[in-house]
Amino acid sequence: MTYKEDLERSKSILDIQQAYERECQRRFLILQEMFPDDSARMMLSEHLAIWLAAEKYAVGKFGISDRHWIQEKI
C-alpha cells in the first residue's frame, strides 16, 4: 500500500500519524542506501513533503492538523 492510499484510508488521526511514521522510515532507509554519506541532509526535504501530505489529509478529513497529534503524544 502506498503512502497516499494509507492516508486516504485513515479513520483517525492516529492512522495518519502511523502512516507518516512508516513513510518517513521507508524513505530514510532508501536514502541511506542511495546516499550513505548525505542521507540526513537529503531526508530534510523528503520529510517536508511527507509532513505536508499528512497535514493536508488531517485537516481535510478531521478538521485538525499535525499540531494536534504532536500534542497528543506529549
PDB file of N, CA and C in Angstrom:
ATOM      1  N   MET A   1       0.844  -1.165   0.000  1.00  0.00           N
ATOM      2  CA  MET A   1       0.000   0.000   0.000  1.00  0.00           C
ATOM      3  C   MET A   1       0.901   1.245   0.000  1.00  0.00           C
ATOM      4  N   THR A   2       0.523   2.221  -0.780  1.00  0.00           N
ATOM      5  CA  THR A   2       1.325   3.439  -0.853  1.00  0.00           C
ATOM      6  C   THR A   2       0.951   4.400   0.266  1.00  0.00           C
ATOM      7  N   TYR A   3       1.784   5.390   0.449  1.00  0.00           N
ATOM      8  CA  TYR A   3       1.548   6.407   1.480  1.00  0.00           C
ATOM      9  C   TYR A   3       0.221   7.121   1.233  1.00  0.00           C
ATOM     10  N   LYS A   4      -0.028   7.477  -0.016  1.00  0.00           N
ATOM     11  CA  LYS A   4      -1.279   8.168  -0.351  1.00  0.00           C
ATOM     12  C   LYS A   4      -2.487   7.289  -0.013  1.00  0.00           C
ATOM     13  N   GLU A   5      -2.409   6.014  -0.340  1.00  0.00           N
ATOM     14  CA  GLU A   5      -3.508   5.093  -0.016  1.00  0.00           C
ATOM     15  C   GLU A   5      -3.691   4.976   1.493  1.00  0.00           C
ATOM     16  N   ASP A   6      -2.583   4.905   2.231  1.00  0.00           N
ATOM     17  CA  ASP A   6      -2.661   4.869   3.700  1.00  0.00           C
ATOM     18  C   ASP A   6      -3.403   6.090   4.228  1.00  0.00           C
ATOM     19  N   LEU A   7      -3.058   7.262   3.701  1.00  0.00           N
ATOM     20  CA  LEU A   7      -3.702   8.492   4.159  1.00  0.00           C
ATOM     21  C   LEU A   7      -5.178   8.516   3.784  1.00  0.00           C
ATOM     22  N   GLU A   8      -5.491   8.084   2.567  1.00  0.00           N
ATOM     23  CA  GLU A   8      -6.888   8.084   2.119  1.00  0.00           C
ATOM     24  C   GLU A   8      -7.749   7.134   2.947  1.00  0.00           C
ATOM     25  N   ARG A   9      -7.184   6.029   3.376  1.00  0.00           N
ATOM     26  CA  ARG A   9      -7.945   5.029   4.140  1.00  0.00           C
ATOM     27  C   ARG A   9      -7.963   5.299   5.643  1.00  0.00           C
ATOM     28  N   SER A  10      -7.288   6.332   6.075  1.00  0.00           N
ATOM     29  CA  SER A  10      -7.212   6.613   7.512  1.00  0.00           C
ATOM     30  C   SER A  10      -8.588   6.897   8.096  1.00  0.00           C
ATOM     31  N   LYS A  11      -8.776   6.390   9.300  1.00  0.00           N
ATOM     32  CA  LYS A  11     -10.045   6.577  10.004  1.00  0.00           C
ATOM     33  C   LYS A  11      -9.872   7.422  11.259  1.00  0.00           C
ATOM     34  N   SER A  12      -8.625   7.782  11.544  1.00  0.00           N
ATOM     35  CA  SER A  12      -8.345   8.592  12.730  1.00  0.00           C
ATOM     36  C   SER A  12      -7.022   9.322  12.542  1.00  0.00           C
ATOM     37  N   ILE A  13      -6.792  10.271  13.425  1.00  0.00           N
ATOM     38  CA  ILE A  13      -5.516  10.982  13.420  1.00  0.00           C
ATOM     39  C   ILE A  13      -4.375  10.002  13.680  1.00  0.00           C
ATOM     40  N   LEU A  14      -4.602   9.011  14.522  1.00  0.00           N
ATOM     41  CA  LEU A  14      -3.571   8.013  14.805  1.00  0.00           C
ATOM     42  C   LEU A  14      -3.174   7.260  13.536  1.00  0.00           C
ATOM     43  N   ASP A  15      -4.140   6.913  12.691  1.00  0.00           N
ATOM     44  CA  ASP A  15      -3.832   6.250  11.419  1.00  0.00           C
ATOM     45  C   ASP A  15      -2.929   7.123  10.554  1.00  0.00           C
ATOM     46  N   ILE A  16      -3.222   8.418  10.515  1.00  0.00           N
ATOM     47  CA  ILE A  16      -2.403   9.341   9.730  1.00  0.00           C
ATOM     48  C   ILE A  16      -0.997   9.416  10.319  1.00  0.00           C
ATOM     49  N   GLN A  17      -0.908   9.499  11.625  1.00  0.00           N
ATOM     50  CA  GLN A  17       0.393   9.570  12.287  1.00  0.00           C
ATOM     51  C   GLN A  17       1.220   8.321  11.992  1.00  0.00           C
ATOM     52  N   GLN A  18       0.602   7.153  12.067  1.00  0.00           N
ATOM     53  CA  GLN A  18       1.327   5.911  11.819  1.00  0.00           C
ATOM     54  C   GLN A  18       1.767   5.802  10.363  1.00  0.00           C
ATOM     55  N   ALA A  19       0.919   6.229   9.432  1.00  0.00           N
ATOM     56  CA  ALA A  19       1.295   6.224   8.018  1.00  0.00           C
ATOM     57  C   ALA A  19       2.481   7.153   7.784  1.00  0.00           C
ATOM     58  N   TYR A  20       2.431   8.310   8.409  1.00  0.00           N
ATOM     59  CA  TYR A  20       3.513   9.298   8.315  1.00  0.00           C
ATOM     60  C   TYR A  20       4.826   8.709   8.832  1.00  0.00           C
ATOM     61  N   GLU A  21       4.786   8.067   9.977  1.00  0.00           N
ATOM     62  CA  GLU A  21       5.999   7.487  10.564  1.00  0.00           C
ATOM     63  C   GLU A  21       6.553   6.352   9.702  1.00  0.00           C
ATOM     64  N   ARG A  22       5.666   5.511   9.160  1.00  0.00           N
ATOM     65  CA  ARG A  22       6.119   4.422   8.277  1.00  0.00           C
ATOM     66  C   ARG A  22       6.789   4.981   7.022  1.00  0.00           C
ATOM     67  N   GLU A  23       6.177   6.012   6.441  1.00  0.00           N
ATOM     68  CA  GLU A  23       6.734   6.587   5.216  1.00  0.00           C
ATOM     69  C   GLU A  23       8.073   7.266   5.481  1.00  0.00           C
ATOM     70  N   CYS A  24       8.208   7.957   6.593  1.00  0.00           N
ATOM     71  CA  CYS A  24       9.499   8.567   6.948  1.00  0.00           C
ATOM     72  C   CYS A  24      10.575   7.491   7.064  1.00  0.00           C
ATOM     73  N   GLN A  25      10.262   6.413   7.743  1.00  0.00           N
ATOM     74  CA  GLN A  25      11.225   5.323   7.922  1.00  0.00           C
ATOM     75  C   GLN A  25      11.581   4.688   6.579  1.00  0.00           C
ATOM     76  N   ARG A  26      10.584   4.434   5.746  1.00  0.00           N
ATOM     77  CA  ARG A  26      10.817   3.815   4.440  1.00  0.00           C
ATOM     78  C   ARG A  26      11.734   4.686   3.585  1.00  0.00           C
ATOM     79  N   ARG A  27      11.415   5.961   3.502  1.00  0.00           N
ATOM     80  CA  ARG A  27      12.226   6.856   2.665  1.00  0.00           C
ATOM     81  C   ARG A  27      13.627   7.049   3.235  1.00  0.00           C
ATOM     82  N   PHE A  28      13.747   7.106   4.542  1.00  0.00           N
ATOM     83  CA  PHE A  28      15.074   7.268   5.137  1.00  0.00           C
ATOM     84  C   PHE A  28      15.963   6.072   4.799  1.00  0.00           C
ATOM     85  N   LEU A  29      15.417   4.870   4.867  1.00  0.00           N
ATOM     86  CA  LEU A  29      16.212   3.682   4.540  1.00  0.00           C
ATOM     87  C   LEU A  29      16.649   3.689   3.080  1.00  0.00           C
ATOM     88  N   ILE A  30      15.763   4.128   2.199  1.00  0.00           N
ATOM     89  CA  ILE A  30      16.114   4.223   0.777  1.00  0.00           C
ATOM     90  C   ILE A  30      17.223   5.251   0.576  1.00  0.00           C
ATOM     91  N   LEU A  31      17.072   6.410   1.213  1.00  0.00           N
ATOM     92  CA  LEU A  31      18.089   7.455   1.072  1.00  0.00           C
ATOM     93  C   LEU A  31      19.426   7.028   1.668  1.00  0.00           C
ATOM     94  N   GLN A  32      19.398   6.257   2.742  1.00  0.00           N
ATOM     95  CA  GLN A  32      20.644   5.754   3.337  1.00  0.00           C
ATOM     96  C   GLN A  32      21.390   4.865   2.357  1.00  0.00           C
ATOM     97  N   GLU A  33      20.650   4.060   1.609  1.00  0.00           N
ATOM     98  CA  GLU A  33      21.277   3.194   0.610  1.00  0.00           C
ATOM     99  C   GLU A  33      21.845   4.002  -0.543  1.00  0.00           C
ATOM    100  N   MET A  34      21.058   4.970  -1.017  1.00  0.00           N
ATOM    101  CA  MET A  34      21.451   5.740  -2.194  1.00  0.00           C
ATOM    102  C   MET A  34      22.542   6.770  -1.894  1.00  0.00           C
ATOM    103  N   PHE A  35      22.470   7.399  -0.731  1.00  0.00           N
ATOM    104  CA  PHE A  35      23.401   8.467  -0.362  1.00  0.00           C
ATOM    105  C   PHE A  35      23.926   8.224   1.054  1.00  0.00           C
ATOM    106  N   PRO A  36      24.784   7.233   1.241  1.00  0.00           N
ATOM    107  CA  PRO A  36      25.211   6.876   2.601  1.00  0.00           C
ATOM    108  C   PRO A  36      25.866   8.020   3.375  1.00  0.00           C
ATOM    109  N   ASP A  37      26.560   8.904   2.684  1.00  0.00           N
ATOM    110  CA  ASP A  37      27.256   9.992   3.376  1.00  0.00           C
ATOM    111  C   ASP A  37      26.400  11.237   3.559  1.00  0.00           C
ATOM    112  N   ASP A  38      25.278  11.313   2.876  1.00  0.00           N
ATOM    113  CA  ASP A  38      24.495  12.546   2.872  1.00  0.00           C
ATOM    114  C   ASP A  38      23.001  12.299   3.111  1.00  0.00           C
ATOM    115  N   SER A  39      22.650  11.170   3.695  1.00  0.00           N
ATOM    116  CA  SER A  39      21.231  10.815   3.827  1.00  0.00           C
ATOM    117  C   SER A  39      20.469  11.746   4.762  1.00  0.00           C
ATOM    118  N   ALA A  40      21.103  12.245   5.805  1.00  0.00           N
ATOM    119  CA  ALA A  40      20.400  13.122   6.753  1.00  0.00           C
ATOM    120  C   ALA A  40      19.970  14.414   6.077  1.00  0.00           C
ATOM    121  N   ARG A  41      20.854  15.005   5.292  1.00  0.00           N
ATOM    122  CA  ARG A  41      20.510  16.249   4.596  1.00  0.00           C
ATOM    123  C   ARG A  41      19.416  16.004   3.563  1.00  0.00           C
ATOM    124  N   MET A  42      19.516  14.896   2.857  1.00  0.00           N
ATOM    125  CA  MET A  42      18.515  14.562   1.844  1.00  0.00           C
ATOM    126  C   MET A  42      17.151  14.324   2.491  1.00  0.00           C
ATOM    127  N   MET A  43      17.150  13.777   3.692  1.00  0.00           N
ATOM    128  CA  MET A  43      15.892  13.455   4.370  1.00  0.00           C
ATOM    129  C   MET A  43      15.129  14.703   4.779  1.00  0.00           C
ATOM    130  N   LEU A  44      15.800  15.813   4.985  1.00  0.00           N
ATOM    131  CA  LEU A  44      15.105  17.038   5.386  1.00  0.00           C
ATOM    132  C   LEU A  44      14.056  17.452   4.364  1.00  0.00           C
ATOM    133  N   SER A  45      14.404  17.445   3.091  1.00  0.00           N
ATOM    134  CA  SER A  45      13.421  17.830   2.077  1.00  0.00           C
ATOM    135  C   SER A  45      12.343  16.758   1.923  1.00  0.00           C
ATOM    136  N   GLU A  46      12.728  15.492   2.031  1.00  0.00           N
ATOM    137  CA  GLU A  46      11.740  14.413   1.965  1.00  0.00           C
ATOM    138  C   GLU A  46      10.758  14.520   3.127  1.00  0.00           C
ATOM    139  N   HIS A  47      11.276  14.807   4.302  1.00  0.00           N
ATOM    140  CA  HIS A  47      10.438  14.913   5.488  1.00  0.00           C
ATOM    141  C   HIS A  47       9.376  15.989   5.307  1.00  0.00           C
ATOM    142  N   LEU A  48       9.753  17.115   4.727  1.00  0.00           N
ATOM    143  CA  LEU A  48       8.801  18.198   4.499  1.00  0.00           C
ATOM    144  C   LEU A  48       7.666  17.746   3.582  1.00  0.00           C
ATOM    145  N   ALA A  49       7.981  17.048   2.517  1.00  0.00           N
ATOM    146  CA  ALA A  49       6.953  16.563   1.594  1.00  0.00           C
ATOM    147  C   ALA A  49       6.016  15.569   2.278  1.00  0.00           C
ATOM    148  N   ILE A  50       6.568  14.676   3.082  1.00  0.00           N
ATOM    149  CA  ILE A  50       5.763  13.684   3.801  1.00  0.00           C
ATOM    150  C   ILE A  50       4.852  14.385   4.807  1.00  0.00           C
ATOM    151  N   TRP A  51       5.392  15.343   5.535  1.00  0.00           N
ATOM    152  CA  TRP A  51       4.622  16.067   6.550  1.00  0.00           C
ATOM    153  C   TRP A  51       3.494  16.866   5.920  1.00  0.00           C
ATOM    154  N   LEU A  52       3.773  17.541   4.796  1.00  0.00           N
ATOM    155  CA  LEU A  52       2.732  18.341   4.143  1.00  0.00           C
ATOM    156  C   LEU A  52       1.554  17.474   3.696  1.00  0.00           C
ATOM    157  N   ALA A  53       1.832  16.293   3.190  1.00  0.00           N
ATOM    158  CA  ALA A  53       0.750  15.393   2.787  1.00  0.00           C
ATOM    159  C   ALA A  53      -0.072  14.962   3.997  1.00  0.00           C
ATOM    160  N   ALA A  54       0.585  14.621   5.093  1.00  0.00           N
ATOM    161  CA  ALA A  54      -0.133  14.218   6.312  1.00  0.00           C
ATOM    162  C   ALA A  54      -0.976  15.366   6.846  1.00  0.00           C
ATOM    163  N   GLU A  55      -0.422  16.558   6.840  1.00  0.00           N
ATOM    164  CA  GLU A  55      -1.135  17.749   7.313  1.00  0.00           C
ATOM    165  C   GLU A  55      -2.395  17.989   6.474  1.00  0.00           C
ATOM    166  N   LYS A  56      -2.249  17.876   5.169  1.00  0.00           N
ATOM    167  CA  LYS A  56      -3.379  18.084   4.254  1.00  0.00           C
ATOM    168  C   LYS A  56      -4.513  17.105   4.556  1.00  0.00           C
ATOM    169  N   TYR A  57      -4.191  15.841   4.708  1.00  0.00           N
ATOM    170  CA  TYR A  57      -5.222  14.845   4.992  1.00  0.00           C
ATOM    171  C   TYR A  57      -5.824  15.022   6.380  1.00  0.00           C
ATOM    172  N   ALA A  58      -5.018  15.355   7.368  1.00  0.00           N
ATOM    173  CA  ALA A  58      -5.532  15.540   8.732  1.00  0.00           C
ATOM    174  C   ALA A  58      -6.534  16.680   8.782  1.00  0.00           C
ATOM    175  N   VAL A  59      -6.209  17.798   8.165  1.00  0.00           N
ATOM    176  CA  VAL A  59      -7.117  18.947   8.167  1.00  0.00           C
ATOM    177  C   VAL A  59      -8.343  18.648   7.319  1.00  0.00           C
ATOM    178  N   GLY A  60      -8.146  18.045   6.153  1.00  0.00           N
ATOM    179  CA  GLY A  60      -9.259  17.753   5.256  1.00  0.00           C
ATOM    180  C   GLY A  60     -10.255  16.756   5.827  1.00  0.00           C
ATOM    181  N   LYS A  61      -9.762  15.727   6.487  1.00  0.00           N
ATOM    182  CA  LYS A  61     -10.644  14.677   7.000  1.00  0.00           C
ATOM    183  C   LYS A  61     -11.199  14.964   8.381  1.00  0.00           C
ATOM    184  N   PHE A  62     -10.381  15.552   9.233  1.00  0.00           N
ATOM    185  CA  PHE A  62     -10.765  15.663  10.638  1.00  0.00           C
ATOM    186  C   PHE A  62     -10.835  17.093  11.152  1.00  0.00           C
ATOM    187  N   GLY A  63     -10.454  18.054  10.320  1.00  0.00           N
ATOM    188  CA  GLY A  63     -10.513  19.450  10.720  1.00  0.00           C
ATOM    189  C   GLY A  63      -9.453  19.854  11.725  1.00  0.00           C
ATOM    190  N   ILE A  64      -8.492  18.967  11.972  1.00  0.00           N
ATOM    191  CA  ILE A  64      -7.389  19.288  12.875  1.00  0.00           C
ATOM    192  C   ILE A  64      -6.081  18.962  12.174  1.00  0.00           C
ATOM    193  N   SER A  65      -5.017  19.509  12.678  1.00  0.00           N
ATOM    194  CA  SER A  65      -3.748  19.366  11.974  1.00  0.00           C
ATOM    195  C   SER A  65      -2.737  18.551  12.764  1.00  0.00           C
ATOM    196  N   ASP A  66      -1.568  18.475  12.189  1.00  0.00           N
ATOM    197  CA  ASP A  66      -0.416  17.785  12.753  1.00  0.00           C
ATOM    198  C   ASP A  66      -0.136  18.236  14.182  1.00  0.00           C
ATOM    199  N   ARG A  67      -0.310  19.510  14.432  1.00  0.00           N
ATOM    200  CA  ARG A  67      -0.018  20.014  15.773  1.00  0.00           C
ATOM    201  C   ARG A  67      -0.860  19.288  16.815  1.00  0.00           C
ATOM    202  N   HIS A  68      -2.063  18.900  16.441  1.00  0.00           N
ATOM    203  CA  HIS A  68      -2.939  18.178  17.364  1.00  0.00           C
ATOM    204  C   HIS A  68      -2.321  16.834  17.743  1.00  0.00           C
ATOM    205  N   TRP A  69      -1.818  16.071  16.777  1.00  0.00           N
ATOM    206  CA  TRP A  69      -1.264  14.770  17.135  1.00  0.00           C
ATOM    207  C   TRP A  69       0.087  14.877  17.785  1.00  0.00           C
ATOM    208  N   ILE A  70       0.798  15.958  17.564  1.00  0.00           N
ATOM    209  CA  ILE A  70       2.041  16.151  18.322  1.00  0.00           C
ATOM    210  C   ILE A  70       1.697  16.393  19.791  1.00  0.00           C
ATOM    211  N   GLN A  71       0.683  17.213  20.054  1.00  0.00           N
ATOM    212  CA  GLN A  71       0.280  17.493  21.427  1.00  0.00           C
ATOM    213  C   GLN A  71      -0.252  16.241  22.116  1.00  0.00           C
ATOM    214  N   GLU A  72      -0.945  15.370  21.377  1.00  0.00           N
ATOM    215  CA  GLU A  72      -1.464  14.131  21.967  1.00  0.00           C
ATOM    216  C   GLU A  72      -0.329  13.224  22.436  1.00  0.00           C
ATOM    217  N   LYS A  73       0.816  13.257  21.751  1.00  0.00           N
ATOM    218  CA  LYS A  73       1.939  12.390  22.115  1.00  0.00           C
ATOM    219  C   LYS A  73       2.658  12.881  23.366  1.00  0.00           C
ATOM    220  N   ILE A  74       2.570  14.178  23.656  1.00  0.00           N
ATOM    221  CA  ILE A  74       3.308  14.754  24.792  1.00  0.00           C
ATOM    222  C   ILE A  74       2.673  14.373  26.111  1.00  0.00           C
TER     223      ILE A  74
END
